[in-house]
Each structure stands twice: as structure tokens, then as C-alpha cells.
PDB file of all heavy atoms in Angstrom:
ATOM      1  N   VAL A   1     -45.929-198.168  41.555  1.00  0.00           N
ATOM      2  CA  VAL A   1     -44.827-198.309  40.628  1.00  0.00           C
ATOM      3  C   VAL A   1     -45.295-197.738  39.296  1.00  0.00           C
ATOM      4  O   VAL A   1     -46.379-198.026  38.846  1.00  0.00           O
ATOM      5  CB  VAL A   1     -44.399-199.810  40.528  1.00  0.00           C
ATOM      6  CG1 VAL A   1     -43.336-199.925  39.426  1.00  0.00           C
ATOM      7  CG2 VAL A   1     -43.991-200.391  41.840  1.00  0.00           C
ATOM      8  N   GLU A   2     -44.399-196.953  38.679  1.00  0.00           N
ATOM      9  CA  GLU A   2     -44.669-196.370  37.330  1.00  0.00           C
ATOM     10  C   GLU A   2     -44.724-197.437  36.315  1.00  0.00           C
ATOM     11  O   GLU A   2     -43.859-198.214  36.242  1.00  0.00           O
ATOM     12  CB  GLU A   2     -43.508-195.361  37.006  1.00  0.00           C
ATOM     13  CG  GLU A   2     -43.717-194.593  35.790  1.00  0.00           C
ATOM     14  CD  GLU A   2     -44.707-193.512  35.976  1.00  0.00           C
ATOM     15  OE1 GLU A   2     -45.022-193.047  37.104  1.00  0.00           O
ATOM     16  OE2 GLU A   2     -45.425-193.108  34.926  1.00  0.00           O
ATOM     17  N   PRO A   3     -45.791-197.426  35.491  1.00  0.00           N
ATOM     18  CA  PRO A   3     -45.948-198.484  34.445  1.00  0.00           C
ATOM     19  C   PRO A   3     -44.874-198.260  33.385  1.00  0.00           C
ATOM     20  O   PRO A   3     -44.390-197.150  33.228  1.00  0.00           O
ATOM     21  CB  PRO A   3     -47.300-198.248  33.901  1.00  0.00           C
ATOM     22  CG  PRO A   3     -48.065-197.363  34.817  1.00  0.00           C
ATOM     23  CD  PRO A   3     -46.991-196.644  35.554  1.00  0.00           C
ATOM     24  N   VAL A   4     -44.544-199.322  32.680  1.00  0.00           N
ATOM     25  CA  VAL A   4     -43.612-199.256  31.592  1.00  0.00           C
ATOM     26  C   VAL A   4     -44.242-198.348  30.528  1.00  0.00           C
ATOM     27  O   VAL A   4     -45.511-198.380  30.267  1.00  0.00           O
ATOM     28  CB  VAL A   4     -43.442-200.687  30.914  1.00  0.00           C
ATOM     29  CG1 VAL A   4     -42.585-200.639  29.734  1.00  0.00           C
ATOM     30  CG2 VAL A   4     -42.823-201.663  32.001  1.00  0.00           C
ATOM     31  N   ALA A   5     -43.417-197.430  30.028  1.00  0.00           N
ATOM     32  CA  ALA A   5     -43.882-196.473  28.951  1.00  0.00           C
ATOM     33  C   ALA A   5     -44.603-197.192  27.854  1.00  0.00           C
ATOM     34  O   ALA A   5     -44.174-198.306  27.515  1.00  0.00           O
ATOM     35  CB  ALA A   5     -42.720-195.592  28.545  1.00  0.00           C
ATOM     36  N   GLY A   6     -45.497-196.510  27.270  1.00  0.00           N
ATOM     37  CA  GLY A   6     -46.363-197.090  26.130  1.00  0.00           C
ATOM     38  C   GLY A   6     -45.546-197.690  25.037  1.00  0.00           C
ATOM     39  O   GLY A   6     -45.696-198.851  24.592  1.00  0.00           O
ATOM     40  N   TRP A   7     -44.514-196.898  24.527  1.00  0.00           N
ATOM     41  CA  TRP A   7     -43.603-197.492  23.471  1.00  0.00           C
ATOM     42  C   TRP A   7     -42.782-198.575  23.840  1.00  0.00           C
ATOM     43  O   TRP A   7     -42.383-199.371  22.993  1.00  0.00           O
ATOM     44  CB  TRP A   7     -42.921-196.331  22.729  1.00  0.00           C
ATOM     45  CG  TRP A   7     -41.780-195.685  23.658  1.00  0.00           C
ATOM     46  CD1 TRP A   7     -41.895-194.769  24.632  1.00  0.00           C
ATOM     47  CD2 TRP A   7     -40.415-196.147  23.656  1.00  0.00           C
ATOM     48  NE1 TRP A   7     -40.706-194.471  25.226  1.00  0.00           N
ATOM     49  CE2 TRP A   7     -39.799-195.389  24.654  1.00  0.00           C
ATOM     50  CE3 TRP A   7     -39.683-197.097  23.011  1.00  0.00           C
ATOM     51  CZ2 TRP A   7     -38.489-195.539  25.037  1.00  0.00           C
ATOM     52  CZ3 TRP A   7     -38.371-197.252  23.334  1.00  0.00           C
ATOM     53  CH2 TRP A   7     -37.770-196.367  24.210  1.00  0.00           C
ATOM     54  N   LYS A   8     -42.514-198.703  25.159  1.00  0.00           N
ATOM     55  CA  LYS A   8     -41.688-199.843  25.659  1.00  0.00           C
ATOM     56  C   LYS A   8     -42.415-200.962  26.135  1.00  0.00           C
ATOM     57  O   LYS A   8     -41.993-202.020  26.582  1.00  0.00           O
ATOM     58  CB  LYS A   8     -40.710-199.259  26.648  1.00  0.00           C
ATOM     59  CG  LYS A   8     -39.591-198.443  26.224  1.00  0.00           C
ATOM     60  CD  LYS A   8     -38.747-197.922  27.393  1.00  0.00           C
ATOM     61  CE  LYS A   8     -37.815-198.935  27.952  1.00  0.00           C
ATOM     62  NZ  LYS A   8     -36.972-198.441  29.009  1.00  0.00           N
ATOM     63  N   SER A   9     -43.800-200.850  26.040  1.00  0.00           N
ATOM     64  CA  SER A   9     -44.743-201.869  26.583  1.00  0.00           C
ATOM     65  C   SER A   9     -44.493-203.142  25.712  1.00  0.00           C
ATOM     66  O   SER A   9     -44.446-203.035  24.388  1.00  0.00           O
ATOM     67  CB  SER A   9     -46.157-201.531  26.518  1.00  0.00           C
ATOM     68  OG  SER A   9     -46.965-202.560  26.784  1.00  0.00           O
ATOM     69  N   PRO A  10     -44.482-204.368  26.305  1.00  0.00           N
ATOM     70  CA  PRO A  10     -44.308-205.552  25.495  1.00  0.00           C
ATOM     71  C   PRO A  10     -45.263-205.738  24.330  1.00  0.00           C
ATOM     72  O   PRO A  10     -45.039-206.448  23.427  1.00  0.00           O
ATOM     73  CB  PRO A  10     -44.400-206.675  26.454  1.00  0.00           C
ATOM     74  CG  PRO A  10     -44.012-206.052  27.709  1.00  0.00           C
ATOM     75  CD  PRO A  10     -44.510-204.591  27.706  1.00  0.00           C
ATOM     76  N   SER A  11     -46.379-205.102  24.463  1.00  0.00           N
ATOM     77  CA  SER A  11     -47.418-205.244  23.371  1.00  0.00           C
ATOM     78  C   SER A  11     -47.363-204.176  22.338  1.00  0.00           C
ATOM     79  O   SER A  11     -48.120-204.192  21.406  1.00  0.00           O
ATOM     80  CB  SER A  11     -48.848-205.293  24.024  1.00  0.00           C
ATOM     81  OG  SER A  11     -49.119-204.065  24.757  1.00  0.00           O
ATOM     82  N   SER A  12     -46.372-203.265  22.417  1.00  0.00           N
ATOM     83  CA  SER A  12     -46.228-202.126  21.467  1.00  0.00           C
ATOM     84  C   SER A  12     -45.541-202.754  20.189  1.00  0.00           C
ATOM     85  O   SER A  12     -44.909-203.753  20.172  1.00  0.00           O
ATOM     86  CB  SER A  12     -45.462-201.005  21.988  1.00  0.00           C
ATOM     87  OG  SER A  12     -44.024-201.451  22.067  1.00  0.00           O
ATOM     88  N   ILE A  13     -45.763-202.020  19.048  1.00  0.00           N
ATOM     89  CA  ILE A  13     -45.132-202.330  17.805  1.00  0.00           C
ATOM     90  C   ILE A  13     -43.589-202.289  17.894  1.00  0.00           C
ATOM     91  O   ILE A  13     -42.945-203.027  17.249  1.00  0.00           O
ATOM     92  CB  ILE A  13     -45.742-201.447  16.661  1.00  0.00           C
ATOM     93  CG1 ILE A  13     -45.262-202.053  15.316  1.00  0.00           C
ATOM     94  CG2 ILE A  13     -45.310-200.044  16.796  1.00  0.00           C
ATOM     95  CD1 ILE A  13     -45.987-203.262  14.978  1.00  0.00           C
ATOM     96  N   VAL A  14     -43.091-201.305  18.674  1.00  0.00           N
ATOM     97  CA  VAL A  14     -41.671-201.217  18.831  1.00  0.00           C
ATOM     98  C   VAL A  14     -41.036-202.442  19.405  1.00  0.00           C
ATOM     99  O   VAL A  14     -40.032-203.044  18.927  1.00  0.00           O
ATOM    100  CB  VAL A  14     -41.288-199.968  19.692  1.00  0.00           C
ATOM    101  CG1 VAL A  14     -39.828-199.880  19.962  1.00  0.00           C
ATOM    102  CG2 VAL A  14     -41.739-198.710  18.962  1.00  0.00           C
ATOM    103  N   MET A  15     -41.685-202.966  20.422  1.00  0.00           N
ATOM    104  CA  MET A  15     -41.183-204.155  21.189  1.00  0.00           C
ATOM    105  C   MET A  15     -41.475-205.348  20.397  1.00  0.00           C
ATOM    106  O   MET A  15     -40.747-206.358  20.519  1.00  0.00           O
ATOM    107  CB  MET A  15     -41.698-204.216  22.582  1.00  0.00           C
ATOM    108  CG  MET A  15     -41.262-203.011  23.463  1.00  0.00           C
ATOM    109  SD  MET A  15     -39.523-202.536  23.335  1.00  0.00           S
ATOM    110  CE  MET A  15     -38.746-203.788  24.416  1.00  0.00           C
ATOM    111  N   HIS A  16     -42.470-205.316  19.537  1.00  0.00           N
ATOM    112  CA  HIS A  16     -42.683-206.534  18.586  1.00  0.00           C
ATOM    113  C   HIS A  16     -41.489-206.557  17.599  1.00  0.00           C
ATOM    114  O   HIS A  16     -40.984-207.648  17.399  1.00  0.00           O
ATOM    115  CB  HIS A  16     -43.956-206.219  17.844  1.00  0.00           C
ATOM    116  CG  HIS A  16     -44.310-207.378  16.850  1.00  0.00           C
ATOM    117  ND1 HIS A  16     -44.734-208.563  17.236  1.00  0.00           N
ATOM    118  CD2 HIS A  16     -44.179-207.396  15.572  1.00  0.00           C
ATOM    119  CE1 HIS A  16     -44.872-209.307  16.176  1.00  0.00           C
ATOM    120  NE2 HIS A  16     -44.530-208.618  15.081  1.00  0.00           N
ATOM    121  N   GLY A  17     -41.020-205.383  17.210  1.00  0.00           N
ATOM    122  CA  GLY A  17     -39.829-205.411  16.340  1.00  0.00           C
ATOM    123  C   GLY A  17     -38.527-205.881  17.108  1.00  0.00           C
ATOM    124  O   GLY A  17     -37.702-206.576  16.589  1.00  0.00           O
ATOM    125  N   MET A  18     -38.499-205.478  18.435  1.00  0.00           N
ATOM    126  CA  MET A  18     -37.390-205.918  19.216  1.00  0.00           C
ATOM    127  C   MET A  18     -37.386-207.435  19.440  1.00  0.00           C
ATOM    128  O   MET A  18     -36.378-208.130  19.347  1.00  0.00           O
ATOM    129  CB  MET A  18     -37.464-205.194  20.581  1.00  0.00           C
ATOM    130  CG  MET A  18     -36.287-205.560  21.490  1.00  0.00           C
ATOM    131  SD  MET A  18     -34.636-204.821  20.819  1.00  0.00           S
ATOM    132  CE  MET A  18     -34.916-203.069  21.284  1.00  0.00           C
ATOM    133  N   ALA A  19     -38.543-207.970  19.557  1.00  0.00           N
ATOM    134  CA  ALA A  19     -38.697-209.489  19.671  1.00  0.00           C
ATOM    135  C   ALA A  19     -38.156-210.147  18.444  1.00  0.00           C
ATOM    136  O   ALA A  19     -37.488-211.110  18.480  1.00  0.00           O
ATOM    137  CB  ALA A  19     -40.121-209.782  19.941  1.00  0.00           C
ATOM    138  N   GLY A  20     -38.505-209.532  17.290  1.00  0.00           N
ATOM    139  CA  GLY A  20     -37.988-210.125  16.000  1.00  0.00           C
ATOM    140  C   GLY A  20     -36.510-210.021  15.916  1.00  0.00           C
ATOM    141  O   GLY A  20     -35.943-210.930  15.411  1.00  0.00           O
ATOM    142  N   LEU A  21     -35.912-208.921  16.370  1.00  0.00           N
ATOM    143  CA  LEU A  21     -34.411-208.834  16.321  1.00  0.00           C
ATOM    144  C   LEU A  21     -33.854-209.848  17.232  1.00  0.00           C
ATOM    145  O   LEU A  21     -32.787-210.523  16.877  1.00  0.00           O
ATOM    146  CB  LEU A  21     -33.939-207.430  16.756  1.00  0.00           C
ATOM    147  CG  LEU A  21     -34.208-206.317  15.741  1.00  0.00           C
ATOM    148  CD1 LEU A  21     -33.798-204.967  16.421  1.00  0.00           C
ATOM    149  CD2 LEU A  21     -33.316-206.533  14.502  1.00  0.00           C
ATOM    150  N   PHE A  22     -34.379-210.152  18.421  1.00  0.00           N
ATOM    151  CA  PHE A  22     -33.806-211.120  19.353  1.00  0.00           C
ATOM    152  C   PHE A  22     -33.986-212.467  18.789  1.00  0.00           C
ATOM    153  O   PHE A  22     -33.066-213.350  18.874  1.00  0.00           O
ATOM    154  CB  PHE A  22     -34.480-211.117  20.758  1.00  0.00           C
ATOM    155  CG  PHE A  22     -33.810-210.054  21.623  1.00  0.00           C
ATOM    156  CD1 PHE A  22     -33.807-208.730  21.395  1.00  0.00           C
ATOM    157  CD2 PHE A  22     -33.299-210.510  22.797  1.00  0.00           C
ATOM    158  CE1 PHE A  22     -33.266-207.859  22.245  1.00  0.00           C
ATOM    159  CE2 PHE A  22     -32.709-209.664  23.769  1.00  0.00           C
ATOM    160  CZ  PHE A  22     -32.724-208.315  23.442  1.00  0.00           C
ATOM    161  N   HIS A  23     -35.143-212.713  18.161  1.00  0.00           N
ATOM    162  CA  HIS A  23     -35.355-214.005  17.478  1.00  0.00           C
ATOM    163  C   HIS A  23     -34.231-214.241  16.315  1.00  0.00           C
ATOM    164  O   HIS A  23     -33.841-215.334  16.128  1.00  0.00           O
ATOM    165  CB  HIS A  23     -36.802-214.031  16.962  1.00  0.00           C
ATOM    166  CG  HIS A  23     -37.198-215.442  16.466  1.00  0.00           C
ATOM    167  ND1 HIS A  23     -37.325-216.576  17.251  1.00  0.00           N
ATOM    168  CD2 HIS A  23     -37.432-215.838  15.208  1.00  0.00           C
ATOM    169  CE1 HIS A  23     -37.683-217.565  16.472  1.00  0.00           C
ATOM    170  NE2 HIS A  23     -37.732-217.265  15.235  1.00  0.00           N
ATOM    171  N   PHE A  24     -34.089-213.151  15.543  1.00  0.00           N
ATOM    172  CA  PHE A  24     -33.153-213.264  14.402  1.00  0.00           C
ATOM    173  C   PHE A  24     -31.796-213.566  14.880  1.00  0.00           C
ATOM    174  O   PHE A  24     -31.088-214.332  14.285  1.00  0.00           O
ATOM    175  CB  PHE A  24     -33.293-211.943  13.673  1.00  0.00           C
ATOM    176  CG  PHE A  24     -32.383-211.890  12.393  1.00  0.00           C
ATOM    177  CD1 PHE A  24     -32.640-212.669  11.407  1.00  0.00           C
ATOM    178  CD2 PHE A  24     -31.331-211.042  12.405  1.00  0.00           C
ATOM    179  CE1 PHE A  24     -31.829-212.714  10.133  1.00  0.00           C
ATOM    180  CE2 PHE A  24     -30.460-210.983  11.232  1.00  0.00           C
ATOM    181  CZ  PHE A  24     -30.723-211.826  10.197  1.00  0.00           C
ATOM    182  N   SER A  25     -31.422-212.928  16.073  1.00  0.00           N
ATOM    183  CA  SER A  25     -30.033-213.187  16.542  1.00  0.00           C
ATOM    184  C   SER A  25     -29.893-214.584  17.054  1.00  0.00           C
ATOM    185  O   SER A  25     -28.804-215.198  16.876  1.00  0.00           O
ATOM    186  CB  SER A  25     -29.750-212.218  17.742  1.00  0.00           C
ATOM    187  OG  SER A  25     -30.449-212.539  18.902  1.00  0.00           O
ATOM    188  N   GLY A  26     -31.030-215.234  17.598  1.00  0.00           N
ATOM    189  CA  GLY A  26     -30.874-216.676  17.889  1.00  0.00           C
ATOM    190  C   GLY A  26     -30.823-217.548  16.668  1.00  0.00           C
ATOM    191  O   GLY A  26     -30.090-218.513  16.720  1.00  0.00           O
ATOM    192  N   TRP A  27     -31.413-217.133  15.683  1.00  0.00           N
ATOM    193  CA  TRP A  27     -31.290-217.839  14.314  1.00  0.00           C
ATOM    194  C   TRP A  27     -29.925-217.762  13.768  1.00  0.00           C
ATOM    195  O   TRP A  27     -29.316-218.795  13.318  1.00  0.00           O
ATOM    196  CB  TRP A  27     -32.362-217.244  13.360  1.00  0.00           C
ATOM    197  CG  TRP A  27     -32.436-217.953  12.093  1.00  0.00           C
ATOM    198  CD1 TRP A  27     -32.899-219.241  11.729  1.00  0.00           C
ATOM    199  CD2 TRP A  27     -32.115-217.401  10.758  1.00  0.00           C
ATOM    200  NE1 TRP A  27     -32.914-219.520  10.430  1.00  0.00           N
ATOM    201  CE2 TRP A  27     -32.251-218.394   9.796  1.00  0.00           C
ATOM    202  CE3 TRP A  27     -31.452-216.197  10.350  1.00  0.00           C
ATOM    203  CZ2 TRP A  27     -31.962-218.272   8.385  1.00  0.00           C
ATOM    204  CZ3 TRP A  27     -31.145-216.029   9.046  1.00  0.00           C
ATOM    205  CH2 TRP A  27     -31.472-217.027   8.031  1.00  0.00           C
ATOM    206  N   ILE A  28     -29.228-216.588  13.913  1.00  0.00           N
ATOM    207  CA  ILE A  28     -27.879-216.376  13.435  1.00  0.00           C
ATOM    208  C   ILE A  28     -26.991-217.288  14.260  1.00  0.00           C
ATOM    209  O   ILE A  28     -26.026-217.929  13.777  1.00  0.00           O
ATOM    210  CB  ILE A  28     -27.494-214.958  13.457  1.00  0.00           C
ATOM    211  CG1 ILE A  28     -28.183-214.136  12.310  1.00  0.00           C
ATOM    212  CG2 ILE A  28     -25.970-214.743  13.325  1.00  0.00           C
ATOM    213  CD1 ILE A  28     -27.943-212.694  12.403  1.00  0.00           C
ATOM    214  N   ARG A  29     -27.215-217.347  15.600  1.00  0.00           N
ATOM    215  CA  ARG A  29     -26.357-218.137  16.391  1.00  0.00           C
ATOM    216  C   ARG A  29     -26.465-219.623  16.089  1.00  0.00           C
ATOM    217  O   ARG A  29     -25.497-220.342  16.132  1.00  0.00           O
ATOM    218  CB  ARG A  29     -26.757-217.918  17.886  1.00  0.00           C
ATOM    219  CG  ARG A  29     -25.827-218.702  18.876  1.00  0.00           C
ATOM    220  CD  ARG A  29     -26.237-218.376  20.323  1.00  0.00           C
ATOM    221  NE  ARG A  29     -27.569-218.687  20.607  1.00  0.00           N
ATOM    222  CZ  ARG A  29     -28.369-217.740  21.238  1.00  0.00           C
ATOM    223  NH1 ARG A  29     -27.959-216.537  21.458  1.00  0.00           N
ATOM    224  NH2 ARG A  29     -29.621-218.079  21.473  1.00  0.00           N
ATOM    225  N   GLN A  30     -27.730-220.056  15.741  1.00  0.00           N
ATOM    226  CA  GLN A  30     -27.888-221.467  15.314  1.00  0.00           C
ATOM    227  C   GLN A  30     -27.105-221.771  14.014  1.00  0.00           C
ATOM    228  O   GLN A  30     -26.487-222.821  13.818  1.00  0.00           O
ATOM    229  CB  GLN A  30     -29.358-221.780  15.053  1.00  0.00           C
ATOM    230  CG  GLN A  30     -30.123-221.983  16.273  1.00  0.00           C
ATOM    231  CD  GLN A  30     -31.608-222.115  16.066  1.00  0.00           C
ATOM    232  OE1 GLN A  30     -32.091-221.780  15.005  1.00  0.00           O
ATOM    233  NE2 GLN A  30     -32.344-222.622  17.094  1.00  0.00           N
ATOM    234  N   ILE A  31     -27.123-220.819  13.048  1.00  0.00           N
ATOM    235  CA  ILE A  31     -26.371-221.020  11.822  1.00  0.00           C
ATOM    236  C   ILE A  31     -24.882-221.109  12.146  1.00  0.00           C
ATOM    237  O   ILE A  31     -24.181-221.952  11.551  1.00  0.00           O
ATOM    238  CB  ILE A  31     -26.659-219.847  10.792  1.00  0.00           C
ATOM    239  CG1 ILE A  31     -28.110-220.057  10.325  1.00  0.00           C
ATOM    240  CG2 ILE A  31     -25.715-219.972   9.663  1.00  0.00           C
ATOM    241  CD1 ILE A  31     -28.533-218.847   9.465  1.00  0.00           C
ATOM    242  N   HIS A  32     -24.450-220.169  12.949  1.00  0.00           N
ATOM    243  CA  HIS A  32     -22.992-220.208  13.378  1.00  0.00           C
ATOM    244  C   HIS A  32     -22.590-221.514  13.967  1.00  0.00           C
ATOM    245  O   HIS A  32     -21.546-222.154  13.710  1.00  0.00           O
ATOM    246  CB  HIS A  32     -22.768-218.985  14.322  1.00  0.00           C
ATOM    247  CG  HIS A  32     -21.307-219.022  14.856  1.00  0.00           C
ATOM    248  ND1 HIS A  32     -20.269-218.557  14.096  1.00  0.00           N
ATOM    249  CD2 HIS A  32     -20.841-219.294  16.102  1.00  0.00           C
ATOM    250  CE1 HIS A  32     -19.106-218.762  14.909  1.00  0.00           C
ATOM    251  NE2 HIS A  32     -19.549-219.159  16.057  1.00  0.00           N
ATOM    252  N   ASN A  33     -23.473-221.981  14.936  1.00  0.00           N
ATOM    253  CA  ASN A  33     -23.091-223.313  15.600  1.00  0.00           C
ATOM    254  C   ASN A  33     -23.152-224.395  14.604  1.00  0.00           C
ATOM    255  O   ASN A  33     -22.318-225.365  14.679  1.00  0.00           O
ATOM    256  CB  ASN A  33     -24.175-223.572  16.699  1.00  0.00           C
ATOM    257  CG  ASN A  33     -23.957-222.563  17.867  1.00  0.00           C
ATOM    258  OD1 ASN A  33     -22.903-222.025  18.080  1.00  0.00           O
ATOM    259  ND2 ASN A  33     -25.012-222.430  18.617  1.00  0.00           N
ATOM    260  N   TYR A  34     -23.981-224.405  13.554  1.00  0.00           N
ATOM    261  CA  TYR A  34     -24.076-225.362  12.553  1.00  0.00           C
ATOM    262  C   TYR A  34     -22.803-225.368  11.724  1.00  0.00           C
ATOM    263  O   TYR A  34     -22.201-226.427  11.492  1.00  0.00           O
ATOM    264  CB  TYR A  34     -25.311-225.185  11.671  1.00  0.00           C
ATOM    265  CG  TYR A  34     -25.399-226.212  10.521  1.00  0.00           C
ATOM    266  CD1 TYR A  34     -25.768-227.496  10.770  1.00  0.00           C
ATOM    267  CD2 TYR A  34     -25.014-225.822   9.214  1.00  0.00           C
ATOM    268  CE1 TYR A  34     -25.821-228.402   9.768  1.00  0.00           C
ATOM    269  CE2 TYR A  34     -25.070-226.654   8.192  1.00  0.00           C
ATOM    270  CZ  TYR A  34     -25.513-228.030   8.458  1.00  0.00           C
ATOM    271  OH  TYR A  34     -25.451-228.925   7.397  1.00  0.00           O
ATOM    272  N   LEU A  35     -22.404-224.186  11.264  1.00  0.00           N
ATOM    273  CA  LEU A  35     -21.114-224.042  10.525  1.00  0.00           C
ATOM    274  C   LEU A  35     -19.927-224.498  11.243  1.00  0.00           C
ATOM    275  O   LEU A  35     -19.055-225.260  10.778  1.00  0.00           O
ATOM    276  CB  LEU A  35     -20.998-222.604  10.025  1.00  0.00           C
ATOM    277  CG  LEU A  35     -21.993-222.061   9.003  1.00  0.00           C
ATOM    278  CD1 LEU A  35     -21.771-220.570   8.704  1.00  0.00           C
ATOM    279  CD2 LEU A  35     -21.903-222.883   7.695  1.00  0.00           C
ATOM    280  N   THR A  36     -19.759-224.118  12.570  1.00  0.00           N
ATOM    281  CA  THR A  36     -18.567-224.372  13.277  1.00  0.00           C
ATOM    282  C   THR A  36     -18.679-225.798  13.939  1.00  0.00           C
ATOM    283  O   THR A  36     -17.649-226.505  14.026  1.00  0.00           O
ATOM    284  CB  THR A  36     -18.348-223.345  14.426  1.00  0.00           C
ATOM    285  OG1 THR A  36     -19.499-223.222  15.253  1.00  0.00           O
ATOM    286  CG2 THR A  36     -18.004-221.951  13.835  1.00  0.00           C
ATOM    287  N   GLY A  37     -19.812-226.176  14.505  1.00  0.00           N
ATOM    288  CA  GLY A  37     -19.959-227.478  15.199  1.00  0.00           C
ATOM    289  C   GLY A  37     -20.228-228.652  14.353  1.00  0.00           C
ATOM    290  O   GLY A  37     -19.417-229.623  14.276  1.00  0.00           O
ATOM    291  N   THR A  38     -21.193-228.552  13.503  1.00  0.00           N
ATOM    292  CA  THR A  38     -21.662-229.693  12.585  1.00  0.00           C
ATOM    293  C   THR A  38     -20.621-229.846  11.407  1.00  0.00           C
ATOM    294  O   THR A  38     -20.217-230.885  11.097  1.00  0.00           O
ATOM    295  CB  THR A  38     -23.054-229.566  12.217  1.00  0.00           C
ATOM    296  OG1 THR A  38     -23.868-229.339  13.347  1.00  0.00           O
ATOM    297  CG2 THR A  38     -23.501-230.767  11.415  1.00  0.00           C
ATOM    298  N   LEU A  39     -20.461-228.748  10.734  1.00  0.00           N
ATOM    299  CA  LEU A  39     -19.641-228.818   9.454  1.00  0.00           C
ATOM    300  C   LEU A  39     -18.153-228.728   9.796  1.00  0.00           C
ATOM    301  O   LEU A  39     -17.299-229.064   8.913  1.00  0.00           O
ATOM    302  CB  LEU A  39     -20.056-227.721   8.540  1.00  0.00           C
ATOM    303  CG  LEU A  39     -21.503-227.839   8.001  1.00  0.00           C
ATOM    304  CD1 LEU A  39     -21.801-226.677   7.025  1.00  0.00           C
ATOM    305  CD2 LEU A  39     -21.752-229.131   7.358  1.00  0.00           C
ATOM    306  N   GLY A  40     -17.830-228.247  10.972  1.00  0.00           N
ATOM    307  CA  GLY A  40     -16.432-228.141  11.389  1.00  0.00           C
ATOM    308  C   GLY A  40     -15.616-226.995  10.816  1.00  0.00           C
ATOM    309  O   GLY A  40     -14.309-227.068  10.738  1.00  0.00           O
ATOM    310  N   PHE A  41     -16.304-225.948  10.319  1.00  0.00           N
ATOM    311  CA  PHE A  41     -15.606-224.816   9.772  1.00  0.00           C
ATOM    312  C   PHE A  41     -14.948-223.962  10.980  1.00  0.00           C
ATOM    313  O   PHE A  41     -15.508-224.076  12.038  1.00  0.00           O
ATOM    314  CB  PHE A  41     -16.520-223.841   9.109  1.00  0.00           C
ATOM    315  CG  PHE A  41     -17.060-224.288   7.776  1.00  0.00           C
ATOM    316  CD1 PHE A  41     -18.292-223.875   7.239  1.00  0.00           C
ATOM    317  CD2 PHE A  41     -16.297-225.242   7.027  1.00  0.00           C
ATOM    318  CE1 PHE A  41     -18.728-224.293   5.981  1.00  0.00           C
ATOM    319  CE2 PHE A  41     -16.856-225.607   5.734  1.00  0.00           C
ATOM    320  CZ  PHE A  41     -18.059-225.209   5.277  1.00  0.00           C
TER     321      PHE A  41
END
């Protein structure tokens, strides 16, 4: 099986940035849930 390309490897700097974006999107979802669920907006 062909290995994952170097720049797409989970240990690469590119995928480190991608992890940050996914983590940031989770943080945004939590804020949205807080605004709509807890505060009732």
C-alpha cells in the first residue's frame, strides 16, 4: 500500500495546521451551543 504523502502525513506541519483548524471549529461550535442553548439566543 502506498504510504500517505509526506505533506499529508499526520506528523507534518501542514496536518498540524489542519488539526488546529478542526480544533478551532469545535471551539466555535461550543460557543454557538452556549449562545443558543445556555443563553437562549
